[in-house]
Amino acid sequence: MSTCSGFAGSALRARSSSARAPAWSDREIRRVAEALPAPIFYVAGPPAMVEAMKAVLEKAGVEDTDVRSEEFFGYESAAAVTS
């Protein structure tokens, strides 16, 4: 089993962690993943974000068995903050 490492992994992490960067599309994920021998995707964050990213990965053709995820609870939603 290999991980998403090297340039592609760094690009995914850097872009995902930038508040100003646009979201990754399923086509971009597919293009990056095809360049790797056996990518494993790691997703961590608030539950809604994790589920949304899993949906994008599924649309990109990534198998559930190639996704590792962890949800972090305790984040307030924007609606809760403004109410």
N, C-alpha and C. Protein backbone atom coordinates (compact mmCIF):
# COMPACT_ATOMS: atom_id res chain seq x y z
N MET A 1 0.85 -1.18 0.00
CA MET A 1 0.00 0.00 0.00
C MET A 1 0.90 1.24 0.00
N SER A 2 0.62 2.16 -0.88
CA SER A 2 1.41 3.39 -0.92
C SER A 2 0.54 4.57 -0.53
N THR A 3 1.18 5.66 -0.19
CA THR A 3 0.44 6.86 0.17
C THR A 3 0.61 7.90 -0.93
N CYS A 4 -0.21 8.91 -0.87
CA CYS A 4 -0.14 10.02 -1.82
C CYS A 4 1.04 10.87 -1.41
N SER A 5 2.22 10.60 -1.97
CA SER A 5 3.43 11.29 -1.54
C SER A 5 4.07 12.01 -2.70
N GLY A 6 5.19 12.65 -2.41
CA GLY A 6 5.90 13.37 -3.44
C GLY A 6 5.16 14.63 -3.87
N PHE A 7 5.42 15.06 -5.11
CA PHE A 7 4.83 16.30 -5.60
C PHE A 7 3.32 16.30 -5.54
N ALA A 8 2.70 15.23 -6.02
CA ALA A 8 1.23 15.19 -6.06
C ALA A 8 0.64 15.29 -4.67
N GLY A 9 1.20 14.55 -3.72
CA GLY A 9 0.70 14.61 -2.34
C GLY A 9 0.89 15.99 -1.74
N SER A 10 2.04 16.59 -1.98
CA SER A 10 2.30 17.93 -1.47
C SER A 10 1.33 18.94 -2.07
N ALA A 11 1.05 18.78 -3.36
CA ALA A 11 0.13 19.71 -4.03
C ALA A 11 -1.27 19.57 -3.45
N LEU A 12 -1.70 18.33 -3.21
CA LEU A 12 -3.02 18.12 -2.63
C LEU A 12 -3.12 18.73 -1.25
N ARG A 13 -2.10 18.49 -0.41
CA ARG A 13 -2.12 19.03 0.96
C ARG A 13 -2.06 20.55 0.93
N ALA A 14 -1.18 21.11 0.14
CA ALA A 14 -1.02 22.57 0.12
C ALA A 14 -2.30 23.24 -0.37
N ARG A 15 -2.87 22.74 -1.42
CA ARG A 15 -4.07 23.37 -1.96
C ARG A 15 -5.25 23.18 -1.02
N SER A 16 -5.36 22.01 -0.39
CA SER A 16 -6.47 21.73 0.50
C SER A 16 -6.42 22.59 1.76
N SER A 17 -5.22 22.98 2.19
CA SER A 17 -5.10 23.72 3.44
C SER A 17 -5.16 25.23 3.25
N SER A 18 -5.19 25.69 2.02
CA SER A 18 -5.24 27.12 1.77
C SER A 18 -6.68 27.62 1.76
N ALA A 19 -6.96 28.63 2.58
CA ALA A 19 -8.32 29.17 2.67
C ALA A 19 -8.75 29.85 1.36
N ARG A 20 -7.80 30.33 0.59
CA ARG A 20 -8.13 31.06 -0.64
C ARG A 20 -8.17 30.17 -1.88
N ALA A 21 -7.68 28.96 -1.78
CA ALA A 21 -7.63 28.07 -2.95
C ALA A 21 -9.01 27.51 -3.26
N PRO A 22 -9.33 27.39 -4.54
CA PRO A 22 -10.61 26.77 -4.90
C PRO A 22 -10.59 25.29 -4.57
N ALA A 23 -11.76 24.70 -4.45
CA ALA A 23 -11.87 23.29 -4.11
C ALA A 23 -11.34 22.43 -5.25
N TRP A 24 -10.87 21.24 -4.90
CA TRP A 24 -10.42 20.28 -5.90
C TRP A 24 -11.63 19.69 -6.59
N SER A 25 -11.57 19.55 -7.89
CA SER A 25 -12.66 18.92 -8.64
C SER A 25 -12.37 17.43 -8.79
N ASP A 26 -13.39 16.66 -9.10
CA ASP A 26 -13.19 15.23 -9.30
C ASP A 26 -12.23 14.97 -10.47
N ARG A 27 -12.28 15.81 -11.51
CA ARG A 27 -11.36 15.63 -12.65
C ARG A 27 -9.91 15.86 -12.24
N GLU A 28 -9.66 16.86 -11.41
CA GLU A 28 -8.29 17.13 -10.96
C GLU A 28 -7.78 15.98 -10.09
N ILE A 29 -8.63 15.48 -9.22
CA ILE A 29 -8.24 14.37 -8.34
C ILE A 29 -7.94 13.14 -9.19
N ARG A 30 -8.78 12.85 -10.16
CA ARG A 30 -8.56 11.69 -11.03
C ARG A 30 -7.23 11.82 -11.76
N ARG A 31 -6.93 13.03 -12.28
CA ARG A 31 -5.69 13.25 -13.02
C ARG A 31 -4.46 13.02 -12.13
N VAL A 32 -4.49 13.53 -10.91
CA VAL A 32 -3.37 13.36 -9.99
C VAL A 32 -3.25 11.90 -9.57
N ALA A 33 -4.37 11.26 -9.26
CA ALA A 33 -4.36 9.88 -8.79
C ALA A 33 -3.85 8.92 -9.86
N GLU A 34 -4.17 9.19 -11.12
CA GLU A 34 -3.73 8.31 -12.20
C GLU A 34 -2.22 8.28 -12.34
N ALA A 35 -1.54 9.32 -11.86
CA ALA A 35 -0.08 9.38 -11.94
C ALA A 35 0.60 8.59 -10.82
N LEU A 36 -0.17 8.10 -9.85
CA LEU A 36 0.38 7.38 -8.70
C LEU A 36 0.06 5.89 -8.82
N PRO A 37 0.96 5.03 -8.33
CA PRO A 37 0.75 3.59 -8.48
C PRO A 37 -0.45 3.04 -7.70
N ALA A 38 -0.64 3.46 -6.48
CA ALA A 38 -1.75 2.96 -5.65
C ALA A 38 -2.06 3.99 -4.57
N PRO A 39 -2.67 5.12 -4.95
CA PRO A 39 -2.88 6.21 -3.97
C PRO A 39 -3.88 5.86 -2.88
N ILE A 40 -3.60 6.35 -1.70
CA ILE A 40 -4.50 6.28 -0.55
C ILE A 40 -4.80 7.72 -0.19
N PHE A 41 -6.07 8.05 -0.01
CA PHE A 41 -6.48 9.41 0.29
C PHE A 41 -6.82 9.54 1.77
N TYR A 42 -6.31 10.59 2.40
CA TYR A 42 -6.56 10.86 3.81
C TYR A 42 -7.39 12.14 3.92
N VAL A 43 -8.51 12.06 4.62
CA VAL A 43 -9.40 13.21 4.79
C VAL A 43 -9.68 13.37 6.27
N ALA A 44 -9.48 14.56 6.80
CA ALA A 44 -9.75 14.83 8.22
C ALA A 44 -10.33 16.23 8.35
N GLY A 45 -11.32 16.37 9.24
CA GLY A 45 -11.92 17.66 9.48
C GLY A 45 -13.31 17.52 10.04
N PRO A 46 -14.09 18.60 10.02
CA PRO A 46 -15.46 18.55 10.51
C PRO A 46 -16.27 17.54 9.69
N PRO A 47 -17.26 16.89 10.31
CA PRO A 47 -18.02 15.84 9.63
C PRO A 47 -18.57 16.22 8.25
N ALA A 48 -19.15 17.40 8.12
CA ALA A 48 -19.72 17.80 6.83
C ALA A 48 -18.65 17.92 5.75
N MET A 49 -17.48 18.43 6.11
CA MET A 49 -16.39 18.56 5.15
C MET A 49 -15.88 17.18 4.73
N VAL A 50 -15.75 16.28 5.69
CA VAL A 50 -15.27 14.93 5.40
C VAL A 50 -16.24 14.23 4.44
N GLU A 51 -17.52 14.32 4.73
CA GLU A 51 -18.52 13.68 3.85
C GLU A 51 -18.51 14.30 2.46
N ALA A 52 -18.37 15.62 2.37
CA ALA A 52 -18.33 16.28 1.07
C ALA A 52 -17.11 15.85 0.27
N MET A 53 -15.96 15.74 0.94
CA MET A 53 -14.75 15.32 0.24
C MET A 53 -14.83 13.86 -0.19
N LYS A 54 -15.45 13.03 0.64
CA LYS A 54 -15.64 11.62 0.25
C LYS A 54 -16.52 11.53 -0.99
N ALA A 55 -17.52 12.39 -1.10
CA ALA A 55 -18.40 12.40 -2.27
C ALA A 55 -17.62 12.80 -3.53
N VAL A 56 -16.73 13.78 -3.40
CA VAL A 56 -15.90 14.20 -4.53
C VAL A 56 -14.97 13.06 -4.94
N LEU A 57 -14.37 12.40 -3.96
CA LEU A 57 -13.48 11.28 -4.26
C LEU A 57 -14.23 10.14 -4.95
N GLU A 58 -15.45 9.86 -4.49
CA GLU A 58 -16.26 8.83 -5.12
C GLU A 58 -16.57 9.19 -6.57
N LYS A 59 -16.91 10.45 -6.80
CA LYS A 59 -17.20 10.92 -8.16
C LYS A 59 -15.96 10.81 -9.04
N ALA A 60 -14.78 10.94 -8.43
CA ALA A 60 -13.51 10.83 -9.17
C ALA A 60 -13.14 9.37 -9.45
N GLY A 61 -13.94 8.44 -8.93
CA GLY A 61 -13.66 7.04 -9.18
C GLY A 61 -12.78 6.37 -8.14
N VAL A 62 -12.57 7.04 -7.01
CA VAL A 62 -11.75 6.48 -5.94
C VAL A 62 -12.58 5.46 -5.16
N GLU A 63 -12.02 4.27 -4.96
CA GLU A 63 -12.71 3.23 -4.20
C GLU A 63 -12.75 3.59 -2.70
N ASP A 64 -13.83 3.21 -2.02
CA ASP A 64 -13.95 3.45 -0.57
C ASP A 64 -12.76 2.88 0.20
N THR A 65 -12.23 1.77 -0.26
CA THR A 65 -11.11 1.12 0.44
C THR A 65 -9.81 1.91 0.32
N ASP A 66 -9.78 2.91 -0.56
CA ASP A 66 -8.59 3.75 -0.73
C ASP A 66 -8.72 5.09 -0.01
N VAL A 67 -9.73 5.24 0.84
CA VAL A 67 -9.96 6.49 1.57
C VAL A 67 -9.87 6.22 3.07
N ARG A 68 -9.08 7.01 3.76
CA ARG A 68 -9.00 6.97 5.23
C ARG A 68 -9.53 8.31 5.71
N SER A 69 -10.38 8.28 6.73
CA SER A 69 -10.95 9.55 7.19
C SER A 69 -11.08 9.59 8.69
N GLU A 70 -11.10 10.80 9.19
CA GLU A 70 -11.31 11.05 10.61
C GLU A 70 -12.10 12.35 10.73
N GLU A 71 -13.12 12.31 11.56
CA GLU A 71 -13.96 13.48 11.77
C GLU A 71 -13.61 14.15 13.09
N PHE A 72 -13.53 15.46 13.08
CA PHE A 72 -13.27 16.25 14.27
C PHE A 72 -14.53 17.01 14.63
N PHE A 73 -15.07 16.75 15.79
CA PHE A 73 -16.29 17.41 16.23
C PHE A 73 -15.95 18.64 17.06
N GLY A 74 -16.92 19.51 17.28
CA GLY A 74 -16.72 20.68 18.11
C GLY A 74 -16.64 21.97 17.32
N TYR A 75 -16.70 21.88 16.00
CA TYR A 75 -16.69 23.09 15.18
C TYR A 75 -18.11 23.61 15.07
N GLU A 76 -18.27 24.91 15.20
CA GLU A 76 -19.59 25.51 15.04
C GLU A 76 -19.80 25.83 13.57
N SER A 77 -21.01 25.64 13.10
CA SER A 77 -21.31 25.99 11.72
C SER A 77 -21.47 27.50 11.62
N ALA A 78 -21.37 28.03 10.41
CA ALA A 78 -21.54 29.46 10.19
C ALA A 78 -22.91 29.91 10.64
N ALA A 79 -23.92 29.08 10.43
CA ALA A 79 -25.29 29.43 10.83
C ALA A 79 -25.40 29.56 12.35
N ALA A 80 -24.71 28.68 13.08
CA ALA A 80 -24.76 28.72 14.54
C ALA A 80 -24.05 29.97 15.08
N VAL A 81 -23.00 30.39 14.41
CA VAL A 81 -22.22 31.54 14.86
C VAL A 81 -23.02 32.83 14.65
N THR A 82 -23.75 32.93 13.55
CA THR A 82 -24.48 34.16 13.24
C THR A 82 -25.84 34.23 13.90
N SER A 83 -26.32 33.13 14.47
CA SER A 83 -27.65 33.12 15.10
C SER A 83 -27.61 33.72 16.49
